Amino acid sequence: MLHVHGEDRLPTLDPEQSYVMVSNHRTFFDLYAITAHLVRRGLRHRILFPVRSTFFYDHPFGMAVNGAMSFFAMYPPIFRDRKKLLLNPTSLDELARQLRKGGVLAGIHPEGTRSQGPSPYDLLPAQRGVGRVVQAARVPVIPVFINGLVSDLKSQILNNWQPLAHPIAIVFGAPVELDDLLSQPNTPKVHQAIADRTLFAVAKLGQEEREIREQLKPR
């Protein structure tokens, strides 16, 4: 059911080095599937996924789900409540701090929220938060595109019984070249430029995945 491409483009994942992995965001399970594959491949890093505080931090059951599903990898919280928006820069700075410590893989969706349009290849605009984190952390950024999952857990489980009809494709890219932007001043404009470039790399992998998916169709 799982078809993985582009692994030869990945750098050697040094357990002492931190990385940011940027992915499109179509379902609730995108980063779970990607990092699960990397763990099977030998990933030894601490994994962090910034996550909206709604439910996962604001509700007791959400905290339980965070612990049971990810061992509290869903951290730090990102706030949507207007009264708490001023806390988000602190959350992003905390993520950058964790990355600078080394040995961390942070999975981030540059789009900021799920793209729910009819085509999985039409991505939402990049949000500059990822650029802020990358410029502060100064770590390699690995793009990846995933397609084929659904957000409904029951449906996804049922799809497992028809793997040929519901293939999941993951396409990894080489680290994004950002040196020219990282050398510029620490400003929102630069953060946006970094975010735009990372999302562009993800979108290019999406076009590659589209061709791969055509080849996976039953003949």
N, C-alpha and C. Protein backbone atom coordinates (compact mmCIF):
# COMPACT_ATOMS: atom_id res chain seq x y z
N MET A 1 0.82 -1.21 0.00
CA MET A 1 0.00 0.00 0.00
C MET A 1 0.86 1.27 0.00
N LEU A 2 2.02 1.20 0.63
CA LEU A 2 2.89 2.36 0.76
C LEU A 2 3.98 2.33 -0.30
N HIS A 3 4.09 3.43 -1.03
CA HIS A 3 5.08 3.55 -2.10
C HIS A 3 5.96 4.76 -1.78
N VAL A 4 7.24 4.53 -1.52
CA VAL A 4 8.14 5.59 -1.08
C VAL A 4 9.17 5.85 -2.18
N HIS A 5 9.34 7.11 -2.51
CA HIS A 5 10.27 7.50 -3.57
C HIS A 5 11.17 8.63 -3.06
N GLY A 6 12.35 8.73 -3.64
CA GLY A 6 13.25 9.83 -3.32
C GLY A 6 14.09 9.65 -2.08
N GLU A 7 14.11 8.44 -1.52
CA GLU A 7 14.90 8.26 -0.30
C GLU A 7 16.39 8.48 -0.55
N ASP A 8 16.83 8.27 -1.79
CA ASP A 8 18.25 8.49 -2.11
C ASP A 8 18.61 9.97 -2.03
N ARG A 9 17.62 10.85 -1.99
CA ARG A 9 17.89 12.29 -1.88
C ARG A 9 18.07 12.73 -0.43
N LEU A 10 17.67 11.90 0.49
CA LEU A 10 17.76 12.26 1.90
C LEU A 10 19.22 12.32 2.35
N PRO A 11 19.55 13.28 3.19
CA PRO A 11 20.89 13.26 3.78
C PRO A 11 20.98 12.14 4.79
N THR A 12 22.18 11.77 5.16
CA THR A 12 22.36 10.84 6.26
C THR A 12 21.85 11.52 7.53
N LEU A 13 20.86 10.93 8.17
CA LEU A 13 20.21 11.59 9.30
C LEU A 13 21.05 11.39 10.56
N ASP A 14 22.00 12.28 10.74
CA ASP A 14 22.91 12.27 11.88
C ASP A 14 22.10 12.43 13.16
N PRO A 15 22.18 11.49 14.11
CA PRO A 15 21.37 11.59 15.33
C PRO A 15 21.71 12.79 16.20
N GLU A 16 22.86 13.41 15.98
CA GLU A 16 23.23 14.60 16.74
C GLU A 16 22.75 15.90 16.07
N GLN A 17 22.34 15.79 14.82
CA GLN A 17 21.91 16.96 14.04
C GLN A 17 20.38 17.06 14.07
N SER A 18 19.87 18.25 14.11
CA SER A 18 18.43 18.45 14.01
C SER A 18 18.04 18.73 12.56
N TYR A 19 16.76 18.48 12.27
CA TYR A 19 16.22 18.70 10.92
C TYR A 19 14.80 19.22 11.04
N VAL A 20 14.41 20.03 10.06
CA VAL A 20 13.00 20.39 9.89
C VAL A 20 12.50 19.68 8.65
N MET A 21 11.38 18.99 8.79
CA MET A 21 10.77 18.30 7.66
C MET A 21 9.47 19.03 7.33
N VAL A 22 9.36 19.52 6.09
CA VAL A 22 8.17 20.27 5.68
C VAL A 22 7.34 19.41 4.73
N SER A 23 6.04 19.38 4.99
CA SER A 23 5.15 18.51 4.22
C SER A 23 3.86 19.23 3.89
N ASN A 24 3.23 18.79 2.80
CA ASN A 24 1.86 19.23 2.54
C ASN A 24 0.95 18.70 3.64
N HIS A 25 -0.24 19.29 3.75
CA HIS A 25 -1.14 18.93 4.86
C HIS A 25 -2.53 18.67 4.31
N ARG A 26 -2.80 17.37 4.07
CA ARG A 26 -4.09 16.98 3.51
C ARG A 26 -4.97 16.28 4.54
N THR A 27 -4.35 15.51 5.43
CA THR A 27 -5.10 14.73 6.42
C THR A 27 -4.44 14.88 7.80
N PHE A 28 -5.13 14.33 8.80
CA PHE A 28 -4.59 14.36 10.16
C PHE A 28 -3.39 13.44 10.33
N PHE A 29 -3.19 12.51 9.39
CA PHE A 29 -2.21 11.44 9.60
C PHE A 29 -0.95 11.59 8.74
N ASP A 30 -0.81 12.71 8.02
CA ASP A 30 0.32 12.86 7.09
C ASP A 30 1.67 12.66 7.77
N LEU A 31 1.94 13.44 8.80
CA LEU A 31 3.25 13.36 9.44
C LEU A 31 3.44 12.07 10.21
N TYR A 32 2.36 11.47 10.70
CA TYR A 32 2.48 10.17 11.36
C TYR A 32 3.02 9.13 10.38
N ALA A 33 2.44 9.10 9.19
CA ALA A 33 2.86 8.10 8.20
C ALA A 33 4.30 8.34 7.76
N ILE A 34 4.66 9.61 7.55
CA ILE A 34 6.02 9.92 7.10
C ILE A 34 7.05 9.55 8.15
N THR A 35 6.82 9.99 9.38
CA THR A 35 7.81 9.71 10.42
C THR A 35 7.83 8.24 10.82
N ALA A 36 6.68 7.56 10.72
CA ALA A 36 6.66 6.12 11.00
C ALA A 36 7.58 5.39 10.04
N HIS A 37 7.57 5.82 8.76
CA HIS A 37 8.47 5.21 7.79
C HIS A 37 9.93 5.50 8.15
N LEU A 38 10.21 6.73 8.55
CA LEU A 38 11.59 7.08 8.90
C LEU A 38 12.06 6.33 10.13
N VAL A 39 11.16 6.11 11.08
CA VAL A 39 11.52 5.34 12.28
C VAL A 39 11.85 3.90 11.90
N ARG A 40 11.05 3.31 11.02
CA ARG A 40 11.36 1.96 10.54
C ARG A 40 12.70 1.94 9.81
N ARG A 41 13.04 3.05 9.21
CA ARG A 41 14.30 3.17 8.46
C ARG A 41 15.49 3.40 9.39
N GLY A 42 15.21 3.65 10.70
CA GLY A 42 16.30 3.81 11.65
C GLY A 42 16.40 5.17 12.31
N LEU A 43 15.42 6.05 12.11
CA LEU A 43 15.45 7.37 12.71
C LEU A 43 15.54 7.27 14.23
N ARG A 44 16.48 8.03 14.82
CA ARG A 44 16.70 7.98 16.27
C ARG A 44 16.44 9.31 16.93
N HIS A 45 15.87 10.25 16.22
CA HIS A 45 15.69 11.60 16.74
C HIS A 45 14.46 11.72 17.62
N ARG A 46 14.48 12.72 18.48
CA ARG A 46 13.25 13.13 19.15
C ARG A 46 12.37 13.79 18.10
N ILE A 47 11.10 13.45 18.05
CA ILE A 47 10.18 13.95 17.04
C ILE A 47 9.25 14.98 17.68
N LEU A 48 9.10 16.13 17.02
CA LEU A 48 8.19 17.17 17.49
C LEU A 48 7.29 17.62 16.35
N PHE A 49 5.99 17.75 16.65
CA PHE A 49 5.02 18.28 15.69
C PHE A 49 4.32 19.46 16.34
N PRO A 50 4.57 20.70 15.93
CA PRO A 50 3.73 21.80 16.43
C PRO A 50 2.27 21.51 16.11
N VAL A 51 1.39 21.76 17.04
CA VAL A 51 -0.01 21.39 16.85
C VAL A 51 -0.90 22.47 17.45
N ARG A 52 -2.06 22.68 16.85
CA ARG A 52 -2.97 23.68 17.39
C ARG A 52 -3.43 23.26 18.78
N SER A 53 -3.52 24.23 19.66
CA SER A 53 -3.84 23.93 21.06
C SER A 53 -5.26 23.43 21.24
N THR A 54 -6.16 23.86 20.33
CA THR A 54 -7.55 23.41 20.42
C THR A 54 -7.59 21.89 20.48
N PHE A 55 -8.25 21.36 21.45
CA PHE A 55 -8.40 19.92 21.72
C PHE A 55 -7.13 19.32 22.34
N PHE A 56 -5.99 19.37 21.66
CA PHE A 56 -4.81 18.65 22.13
C PHE A 56 -4.22 19.25 23.40
N TYR A 57 -4.47 20.53 23.66
CA TYR A 57 -3.96 21.14 24.88
C TYR A 57 -5.05 21.78 25.73
N ASP A 58 -6.20 22.05 25.12
CA ASP A 58 -7.27 22.73 25.84
C ASP A 58 -8.32 21.77 26.41
N HIS A 59 -8.19 20.50 26.10
CA HIS A 59 -9.18 19.51 26.55
C HIS A 59 -8.46 18.31 27.17
N PRO A 60 -8.92 17.83 28.33
CA PRO A 60 -8.24 16.70 28.99
C PRO A 60 -8.13 15.47 28.09
N PHE A 61 -9.18 15.17 27.31
CA PHE A 61 -9.12 14.02 26.41
C PHE A 61 -8.08 14.23 25.32
N GLY A 62 -7.95 15.47 24.87
CA GLY A 62 -6.95 15.78 23.86
C GLY A 62 -5.55 15.53 24.37
N MET A 63 -5.29 15.88 25.62
CA MET A 63 -3.98 15.61 26.21
C MET A 63 -3.73 14.11 26.26
N ALA A 64 -4.78 13.34 26.58
CA ALA A 64 -4.64 11.88 26.63
C ALA A 64 -4.33 11.32 25.25
N VAL A 65 -5.00 11.85 24.22
CA VAL A 65 -4.75 11.41 22.85
C VAL A 65 -3.32 11.75 22.44
N ASN A 66 -2.87 12.95 22.79
CA ASN A 66 -1.51 13.37 22.49
C ASN A 66 -0.50 12.38 23.08
N GLY A 67 -0.74 12.00 24.33
CA GLY A 67 0.18 11.06 24.97
C GLY A 67 0.10 9.67 24.37
N ALA A 68 -1.12 9.18 24.11
CA ALA A 68 -1.30 7.82 23.62
C ALA A 68 -0.86 7.65 22.18
N MET A 69 -1.12 8.66 21.34
CA MET A 69 -0.84 8.54 19.91
C MET A 69 0.58 8.94 19.55
N SER A 70 1.17 9.86 20.33
CA SER A 70 2.46 10.40 19.89
C SER A 70 3.50 10.50 21.01
N PHE A 71 3.16 10.00 22.21
CA PHE A 71 4.08 10.16 23.34
C PHE A 71 4.46 11.63 23.52
N PHE A 72 3.45 12.49 23.36
CA PHE A 72 3.57 13.94 23.52
C PHE A 72 4.55 14.56 22.53
N ALA A 73 4.64 13.96 21.35
CA ALA A 73 5.42 14.58 20.27
C ALA A 73 4.72 15.81 19.71
N MET A 74 3.41 15.93 19.92
CA MET A 74 2.66 17.08 19.41
C MET A 74 2.93 18.28 20.33
N TYR A 75 4.03 18.98 20.01
CA TYR A 75 4.54 20.06 20.84
C TYR A 75 5.46 20.93 19.98
N PRO A 76 5.47 22.23 20.19
CA PRO A 76 4.68 23.04 21.14
C PRO A 76 3.31 23.38 20.58
N PRO A 77 2.40 23.85 21.44
CA PRO A 77 1.05 24.21 20.98
C PRO A 77 1.06 25.52 20.20
N ILE A 78 0.22 25.58 19.17
CA ILE A 78 -0.01 26.79 18.40
C ILE A 78 -1.45 27.22 18.66
N PHE A 79 -1.65 28.49 19.00
CA PHE A 79 -2.96 28.95 19.46
C PHE A 79 -3.75 29.62 18.33
N ARG A 80 -5.04 29.30 18.27
CA ARG A 80 -5.94 29.92 17.29
C ARG A 80 -6.85 30.97 17.95
N ASP A 81 -7.01 30.87 19.25
CA ASP A 81 -7.82 31.83 20.00
C ASP A 81 -7.18 33.21 19.89
N ARG A 82 -7.97 34.20 19.46
CA ARG A 82 -7.42 35.54 19.26
C ARG A 82 -6.79 36.09 20.55
N LYS A 83 -7.32 35.70 21.69
CA LYS A 83 -6.79 36.20 22.95
C LYS A 83 -5.39 35.63 23.25
N LYS A 84 -5.03 34.55 22.55
CA LYS A 84 -3.75 33.88 22.84
C LYS A 84 -2.78 33.95 21.67
N LEU A 85 -3.13 34.69 20.62
CA LEU A 85 -2.27 34.73 19.43
C LEU A 85 -0.87 35.26 19.74
N LEU A 86 -0.77 36.14 20.73
CA LEU A 86 0.53 36.70 21.07
C LEU A 86 1.47 35.66 21.66
N LEU A 87 0.93 34.49 22.03
CA LEU A 87 1.78 33.42 22.56
C LEU A 87 2.48 32.63 21.45
N ASN A 88 1.98 32.73 20.22
CA ASN A 88 2.52 31.91 19.14
C ASN A 88 3.99 32.18 18.82
N PRO A 89 4.44 33.44 18.78
CA PRO A 89 5.88 33.64 18.58
C PRO A 89 6.73 32.94 19.63
N THR A 90 6.23 32.88 20.87
CA THR A 90 6.96 32.18 21.92
C THR A 90 7.01 30.68 21.64
N SER A 91 5.91 30.12 21.12
CA SER A 91 5.89 28.70 20.77
C SER A 91 6.88 28.40 19.65
N LEU A 92 6.92 29.27 18.65
CA LEU A 92 7.85 29.07 17.52
C LEU A 92 9.30 29.20 17.99
N ASP A 93 9.55 30.15 18.88
CA ASP A 93 10.91 30.31 19.42
C ASP A 93 11.30 29.10 20.26
N GLU A 94 10.33 28.51 20.95
CA GLU A 94 10.61 27.30 21.73
C GLU A 94 10.97 26.13 20.81
N LEU A 95 10.27 26.02 19.69
CA LEU A 95 10.59 24.96 18.73
C LEU A 95 12.00 25.15 18.18
N ALA A 96 12.34 26.38 17.83
CA ALA A 96 13.69 26.67 17.33
C ALA A 96 14.74 26.34 18.39
N ARG A 97 14.43 26.63 19.64
CA ARG A 97 15.36 26.32 20.74
C ARG A 97 15.59 24.82 20.85
N GLN A 98 14.53 24.05 20.74
CA GLN A 98 14.66 22.59 20.80
C GLN A 98 15.51 22.08 19.64
N LEU A 99 15.31 22.66 18.45
CA LEU A 99 16.09 22.24 17.28
C LEU A 99 17.57 22.57 17.45
N ARG A 100 17.87 23.71 18.04
CA ARG A 100 19.27 24.09 18.22
C ARG A 100 19.99 23.17 19.20
N LYS A 101 19.25 22.50 20.05
CA LYS A 101 19.87 21.57 21.00
C LYS A 101 20.44 20.34 20.31
N GLY A 102 19.92 20.01 19.11
CA GLY A 102 20.39 18.86 18.36
C GLY A 102 19.56 17.61 18.62
N GLY A 103 19.57 16.70 17.65
CA GLY A 103 18.89 15.42 17.81
C GLY A 103 17.38 15.48 17.72
N VAL A 104 16.84 16.51 17.05
CA VAL A 104 15.39 16.70 16.95
C VAL A 104 14.98 16.71 15.48
N LEU A 105 13.88 16.05 15.18
CA LEU A 105 13.23 16.15 13.87
C LEU A 105 11.88 16.81 14.10
N ALA A 106 11.70 18.00 13.53
CA ALA A 106 10.43 18.72 13.68
C ALA A 106 9.66 18.64 12.37
N GLY A 107 8.45 18.13 12.43
CA GLY A 107 7.59 18.07 11.26
C GLY A 107 6.66 19.27 11.23
N ILE A 108 6.72 20.05 10.16
CA ILE A 108 5.93 21.28 10.06
C ILE A 108 5.19 21.31 8.73
N HIS A 109 3.96 21.79 8.77
CA HIS A 109 3.18 22.02 7.56
C HIS A 109 3.25 23.51 7.22
N PRO A 110 3.97 23.90 6.16
CA PRO A 110 4.05 25.33 5.82
C PRO A 110 2.69 25.97 5.56
N GLU A 111 1.71 25.17 5.12
CA GLU A 111 0.39 25.73 4.86
C GLU A 111 -0.33 26.16 6.13
N GLY A 112 0.07 25.58 7.26
CA GLY A 112 -0.51 25.97 8.54
C GLY A 112 -1.78 25.23 8.91
N THR A 113 -2.56 24.83 7.93
CA THR A 113 -3.79 24.09 8.17
C THR A 113 -4.04 23.16 7.00
N ARG A 114 -5.02 22.27 7.14
CA ARG A 114 -5.27 21.29 6.09
C ARG A 114 -5.85 21.92 4.84
N SER A 115 -5.35 21.49 3.69
CA SER A 115 -5.92 21.87 2.40
C SER A 115 -7.03 20.88 2.07
N GLN A 116 -8.25 21.37 1.98
CA GLN A 116 -9.40 20.48 1.80
C GLN A 116 -10.09 20.68 0.46
N GLY A 117 -9.41 21.28 -0.49
CA GLY A 117 -9.98 21.47 -1.81
C GLY A 117 -10.06 20.17 -2.58
N PRO A 118 -10.62 20.19 -3.78
CA PRO A 118 -10.81 18.95 -4.55
C PRO A 118 -9.52 18.29 -5.01
N SER A 119 -8.45 19.08 -5.19
CA SER A 119 -7.20 18.51 -5.67
C SER A 119 -6.13 18.54 -4.58
N PRO A 120 -5.48 17.41 -4.32
CA PRO A 120 -4.42 17.39 -3.31
C PRO A 120 -3.17 18.15 -3.75
N TYR A 121 -3.12 18.56 -5.01
CA TYR A 121 -1.94 19.25 -5.54
C TYR A 121 -2.08 20.78 -5.48
N ASP A 122 -3.25 21.26 -5.09
CA ASP A 122 -3.46 22.70 -4.92
C ASP A 122 -3.20 23.04 -3.46
N LEU A 123 -2.04 23.59 -3.17
CA LEU A 123 -1.64 23.86 -1.81
C LEU A 123 -2.08 25.27 -1.38
N LEU A 124 -2.29 25.44 -0.09
CA LEU A 124 -2.62 26.74 0.46
C LEU A 124 -1.37 27.60 0.54
N PRO A 125 -1.52 28.91 0.67
CA PRO A 125 -0.33 29.78 0.79
C PRO A 125 0.51 29.41 2.02
N ALA A 126 1.81 29.59 1.88
CA ALA A 126 2.72 29.31 2.99
C ALA A 126 2.56 30.36 4.09
N GLN A 127 2.62 29.89 5.33
CA GLN A 127 2.59 30.78 6.48
C GLN A 127 4.02 31.02 6.97
N ARG A 128 4.32 32.25 7.36
CA ARG A 128 5.71 32.60 7.62
C ARG A 128 6.29 32.01 8.90
N GLY A 129 5.46 31.36 9.72
CA GLY A 129 5.97 30.78 10.97
C GLY A 129 7.10 29.80 10.73
N VAL A 130 6.98 28.97 9.68
CA VAL A 130 8.05 28.01 9.40
C VAL A 130 9.34 28.73 9.06
N GLY A 131 9.23 29.87 8.39
CA GLY A 131 10.42 30.64 8.07
C GLY A 131 11.09 31.19 9.31
N ARG A 132 10.29 31.62 10.27
CA ARG A 132 10.85 32.12 11.54
C ARG A 132 11.63 31.02 12.25
N VAL A 133 11.05 29.82 12.28
CA VAL A 133 11.70 28.70 12.95
C VAL A 133 13.01 28.33 12.25
N VAL A 134 12.96 28.23 10.93
CA VAL A 134 14.14 27.81 10.17
C VAL A 134 15.27 28.82 10.31
N GLN A 135 14.95 30.12 10.24
CA GLN A 135 16.01 31.11 10.34
C GLN A 135 16.63 31.13 11.74
N ALA A 136 15.81 30.88 12.76
CA ALA A 136 16.33 30.88 14.12
C ALA A 136 17.12 29.61 14.43
N ALA A 137 16.69 28.48 13.85
CA ALA A 137 17.33 27.19 14.18
C ALA A 137 18.55 26.89 13.31
N ARG A 138 18.54 27.34 12.04
CA ARG A 138 19.65 27.10 11.11
C ARG A 138 19.96 25.60 10.98
N VAL A 139 18.94 24.83 10.62
CA VAL A 139 19.11 23.39 10.43
C VAL A 139 18.63 23.02 9.03
N PRO A 140 19.04 21.86 8.49
CA PRO A 140 18.57 21.44 7.17
C PRO A 140 17.06 21.28 7.12
N VAL A 141 16.49 21.64 5.97
CA VAL A 141 15.05 21.54 5.76
C VAL A 141 14.78 20.51 4.67
N ILE A 142 14.05 19.46 5.01
CA ILE A 142 13.78 18.36 4.09
C ILE A 142 12.32 18.43 3.63
N PRO A 143 12.07 18.60 2.33
CA PRO A 143 10.69 18.62 1.84
C PRO A 143 10.17 17.21 1.54
N VAL A 144 8.88 17.04 1.70
CA VAL A 144 8.26 15.75 1.40
C VAL A 144 6.81 15.98 1.02
N PHE A 145 6.32 15.18 0.09
CA PHE A 145 4.91 15.25 -0.33
C PHE A 145 4.30 13.88 -0.09
N ILE A 146 3.10 13.86 0.49
CA ILE A 146 2.39 12.61 0.75
C ILE A 146 0.97 12.71 0.22
N ASN A 147 0.47 11.61 -0.33
CA ASN A 147 -0.89 11.59 -0.88
C ASN A 147 -1.44 10.18 -0.77
N GLY A 148 -2.74 10.08 -0.54
CA GLY A 148 -3.40 8.78 -0.51
C GLY A 148 -4.07 8.46 0.81
N LEU A 149 -3.76 9.23 1.86
CA LEU A 149 -4.41 9.03 3.15
C LEU A 149 -5.76 9.75 3.18
N VAL A 150 -6.62 9.36 4.11
CA VAL A 150 -7.87 10.07 4.35
C VAL A 150 -7.93 10.43 5.84
N SER A 151 -8.68 11.46 6.18
CA SER A 151 -8.71 11.93 7.57
C SER A 151 -9.59 11.08 8.48
N ASP A 152 -10.52 10.35 7.90
CA ASP A 152 -11.41 9.52 8.71
C ASP A 152 -10.71 8.22 9.08
N LEU A 153 -10.52 8.00 10.38
CA LEU A 153 -9.74 6.85 10.84
C LEU A 153 -10.38 5.52 10.43
N LYS A 154 -11.70 5.42 10.56
CA LYS A 154 -12.37 4.17 10.19
C LYS A 154 -12.17 3.86 8.71
N SER A 155 -12.33 4.90 7.86
CA SER A 155 -12.16 4.69 6.43
C SER A 155 -10.72 4.30 6.09
N GLN A 156 -9.77 4.92 6.79
CA GLN A 156 -8.37 4.61 6.52
C GLN A 156 -8.06 3.16 6.88
N ILE A 157 -8.60 2.70 7.99
CA ILE A 157 -8.40 1.30 8.39
C ILE A 157 -9.00 0.35 7.36
N LEU A 158 -10.21 0.67 6.88
CA LEU A 158 -10.85 -0.17 5.87
C LEU A 158 -10.06 -0.16 4.56
N ASN A 159 -9.45 0.98 4.24
CA ASN A 159 -8.66 1.07 3.01
C ASN A 159 -7.47 0.11 3.03
N ASN A 160 -7.00 -0.21 4.24
CA ASN A 160 -5.85 -1.12 4.34
C ASN A 160 -6.14 -2.49 3.74
N TRP A 161 -7.44 -2.83 3.65
CA TRP A 161 -7.80 -4.13 3.09
C TRP A 161 -7.89 -4.10 1.57
N GLN A 162 -7.74 -2.91 0.99
CA GLN A 162 -7.73 -2.76 -0.48
C GLN A 162 -6.53 -1.91 -0.89
N PRO A 163 -5.34 -2.39 -0.63
CA PRO A 163 -4.13 -1.57 -0.85
C PRO A 163 -3.93 -1.15 -2.30
N LEU A 164 -4.32 -1.98 -3.25
CA LEU A 164 -4.13 -1.61 -4.65
C LEU A 164 -5.06 -0.48 -5.06
N ALA A 165 -6.21 -0.42 -4.43
CA ALA A 165 -7.19 0.63 -4.76
C ALA A 165 -6.92 1.93 -4.02
N HIS A 166 -6.13 1.87 -2.94
CA HIS A 166 -5.88 3.06 -2.12
C HIS A 166 -4.40 3.21 -1.81
N PRO A 167 -3.56 3.37 -2.83
CA PRO A 167 -2.12 3.48 -2.57
C PRO A 167 -1.77 4.79 -1.87
N ILE A 168 -0.77 4.72 -1.03
CA ILE A 168 -0.23 5.89 -0.35
C ILE A 168 1.17 6.12 -0.90
N ALA A 169 1.43 7.32 -1.38
CA ALA A 169 2.74 7.63 -1.96
C ALA A 169 3.42 8.72 -1.15
N ILE A 170 4.68 8.50 -0.83
CA ILE A 170 5.52 9.48 -0.14
C ILE A 170 6.71 9.78 -1.05
N VAL A 171 6.95 11.06 -1.31
CA VAL A 171 8.07 11.46 -2.15
C VAL A 171 8.96 12.42 -1.36
N PHE A 172 10.19 12.02 -1.10
CA PHE A 172 11.14 12.87 -0.39
C PHE A 172 11.96 13.68 -1.39
N GLY A 173 12.35 14.88 -0.98
CA GLY A 173 13.21 15.72 -1.79
C GLY A 173 14.54 15.97 -1.10
N ALA A 174 15.48 16.51 -1.84
CA ALA A 174 16.76 16.91 -1.26
C ALA A 174 16.54 18.13 -0.37
N PRO A 175 17.42 18.35 0.61
CA PRO A 175 17.29 19.54 1.46
C PRO A 175 17.17 20.82 0.64
N VAL A 176 16.32 21.72 1.09
CA VAL A 176 16.07 22.97 0.40
C VAL A 176 17.27 23.91 0.58
N GLU A 177 17.72 24.49 -0.52
CA GLU A 177 18.83 25.44 -0.46
C GLU A 177 18.32 26.80 0.04
N LEU A 178 18.80 27.22 1.20
CA LEU A 178 18.29 28.44 1.83
C LEU A 178 19.39 29.39 2.28
N ASP A 179 20.64 29.11 1.94
CA ASP A 179 21.75 29.91 2.47
C ASP A 179 21.59 31.39 2.15
N ASP A 180 21.13 31.71 0.95
CA ASP A 180 21.00 33.11 0.57
C ASP A 180 19.98 33.85 1.42
N LEU A 181 18.92 33.14 1.84
CA LEU A 181 17.90 33.76 2.67
C LEU A 181 18.31 33.79 4.14
N LEU A 182 18.99 32.75 4.59
CA LEU A 182 19.40 32.70 5.99
C LEU A 182 20.42 33.77 6.33
N SER A 183 21.13 34.26 5.33
CA SER A 183 22.12 35.31 5.57
C SER A 183 21.50 36.69 5.64
N GLN A 184 20.20 36.80 5.37
CA GLN A 184 19.53 38.10 5.38
C GLN A 184 19.00 38.43 6.78
N PRO A 185 18.58 39.67 6.99
CA PRO A 185 18.10 40.08 8.32
C PRO A 185 16.91 39.25 8.78
N ASN A 186 16.76 39.18 10.08
CA ASN A 186 15.69 38.41 10.71
C ASN A 186 14.41 39.25 10.71
N THR A 187 13.68 39.19 9.57
CA THR A 187 12.48 40.01 9.41
C THR A 187 11.31 39.15 8.93
N PRO A 188 10.08 39.62 9.14
CA PRO A 188 8.92 38.87 8.63
C PRO A 188 8.98 38.64 7.12
N LYS A 189 9.52 39.60 6.37
CA LYS A 189 9.62 39.45 4.92
C LYS A 189 10.53 38.26 4.56
N VAL A 190 11.65 38.15 5.25
CA VAL A 190 12.56 37.03 5.01
C VAL A 190 11.92 35.72 5.46
N HIS A 191 11.23 35.74 6.59
CA HIS A 191 10.53 34.54 7.06
C HIS A 191 9.55 34.04 6.00
N GLN A 192 8.83 34.98 5.39
CA GLN A 192 7.86 34.60 4.36
C GLN A 192 8.57 34.02 3.14
N ALA A 193 9.69 34.60 2.77
CA ALA A 193 10.44 34.10 1.61
C ALA A 193 10.94 32.68 1.86
N ILE A 194 11.39 32.41 3.08
CA ILE A 194 11.83 31.06 3.43
C ILE A 194 10.66 30.10 3.35
N ALA A 195 9.53 30.50 3.94
CA ALA A 195 8.34 29.65 3.91
C ALA A 195 7.89 29.37 2.49
N ASP A 196 7.89 30.40 1.64
CA ASP A 196 7.46 30.23 0.24
C ASP A 196 8.38 29.25 -0.49
N ARG A 197 9.68 29.34 -0.24
CA ARG A 197 10.60 28.45 -0.94
C ARG A 197 10.43 27.00 -0.48
N THR A 198 10.20 26.80 0.81
CA THR A 198 10.01 25.42 1.28
C THR A 198 8.73 24.83 0.71
N LEU A 199 7.67 25.63 0.63
CA LEU A 199 6.41 25.11 0.09
C LEU A 199 6.54 24.86 -1.41
N PHE A 200 7.31 25.69 -2.10
CA PHE A 200 7.54 25.46 -3.53
C PHE A 200 8.22 24.12 -3.75
N ALA A 201 9.17 23.77 -2.88
CA ALA A 201 9.85 22.47 -2.98
C ALA A 201 8.86 21.34 -2.77
N VAL A 202 7.95 21.51 -1.82
CA VAL A 202 6.92 20.49 -1.57
C VAL A 202 6.01 20.36 -2.79
N ALA A 203 5.62 21.49 -3.37
CA ALA A 203 4.73 21.47 -4.53
C ALA A 203 5.38 20.75 -5.72
N LYS A 204 6.68 20.96 -5.93
CA LYS A 204 7.38 20.26 -7.01
C LYS A 204 7.33 18.75 -6.79
N LEU A 205 7.48 18.32 -5.55
CA LEU A 205 7.39 16.89 -5.25
C LEU A 205 5.96 16.39 -5.50
N GLY A 206 4.99 17.27 -5.31
CA GLY A 206 3.61 16.90 -5.60
C GLY A 206 3.41 16.56 -7.06
N GLN A 207 4.04 17.30 -7.96
CA GLN A 207 3.93 17.00 -9.38
C GLN A 207 4.62 15.67 -9.71
N GLU A 208 5.68 15.39 -9.01
CA GLU A 208 6.35 14.10 -9.18
C GLU A 208 5.46 12.97 -8.69
N GLU A 209 4.79 13.21 -7.55
CA GLU A 209 3.87 12.20 -7.02
C GLU A 209 2.71 11.95 -7.96
N ARG A 210 2.24 12.99 -8.64
CA ARG A 210 1.13 12.84 -9.59
C ARG A 210 1.49 11.85 -10.70
N GLU A 211 2.73 11.95 -11.20
CA GLU A 211 3.19 11.03 -12.24
C GLU A 211 3.33 9.61 -11.70
N ILE A 212 3.83 9.50 -10.47
CA ILE A 212 3.97 8.19 -9.84
C ILE A 212 2.60 7.55 -9.67
N ARG A 213 1.62 8.35 -9.25
CA ARG A 213 0.26 7.82 -9.01
C ARG A 213 -0.37 7.31 -10.31
N GLU A 214 -0.08 7.97 -11.41
CA GLU A 214 -0.59 7.50 -12.70
C GLU A 214 -0.07 6.09 -12.99
N GLN A 215 1.18 5.85 -12.64
CA GLN A 215 1.79 4.55 -12.89
C GLN A 215 1.24 3.47 -11.96
N LEU A 216 0.68 3.90 -10.82
CA LEU A 216 0.14 2.94 -9.85
C LEU A 216 -1.28 2.49 -10.19
N LYS A 217 -1.92 3.19 -11.12
CA LYS A 217 -3.29 2.81 -11.47
C LYS A 217 -3.35 1.43 -12.09
N PRO A 218 -4.33 0.61 -11.70
CA PRO A 218 -4.45 -0.72 -12.32
C PRO A 218 -4.61 -0.62 -13.83
N ARG A 219 -3.93 -1.49 -14.55
CA ARG A 219 -4.00 -1.50 -16.02
C ARG A 219 -5.01 -2.55 -16.51
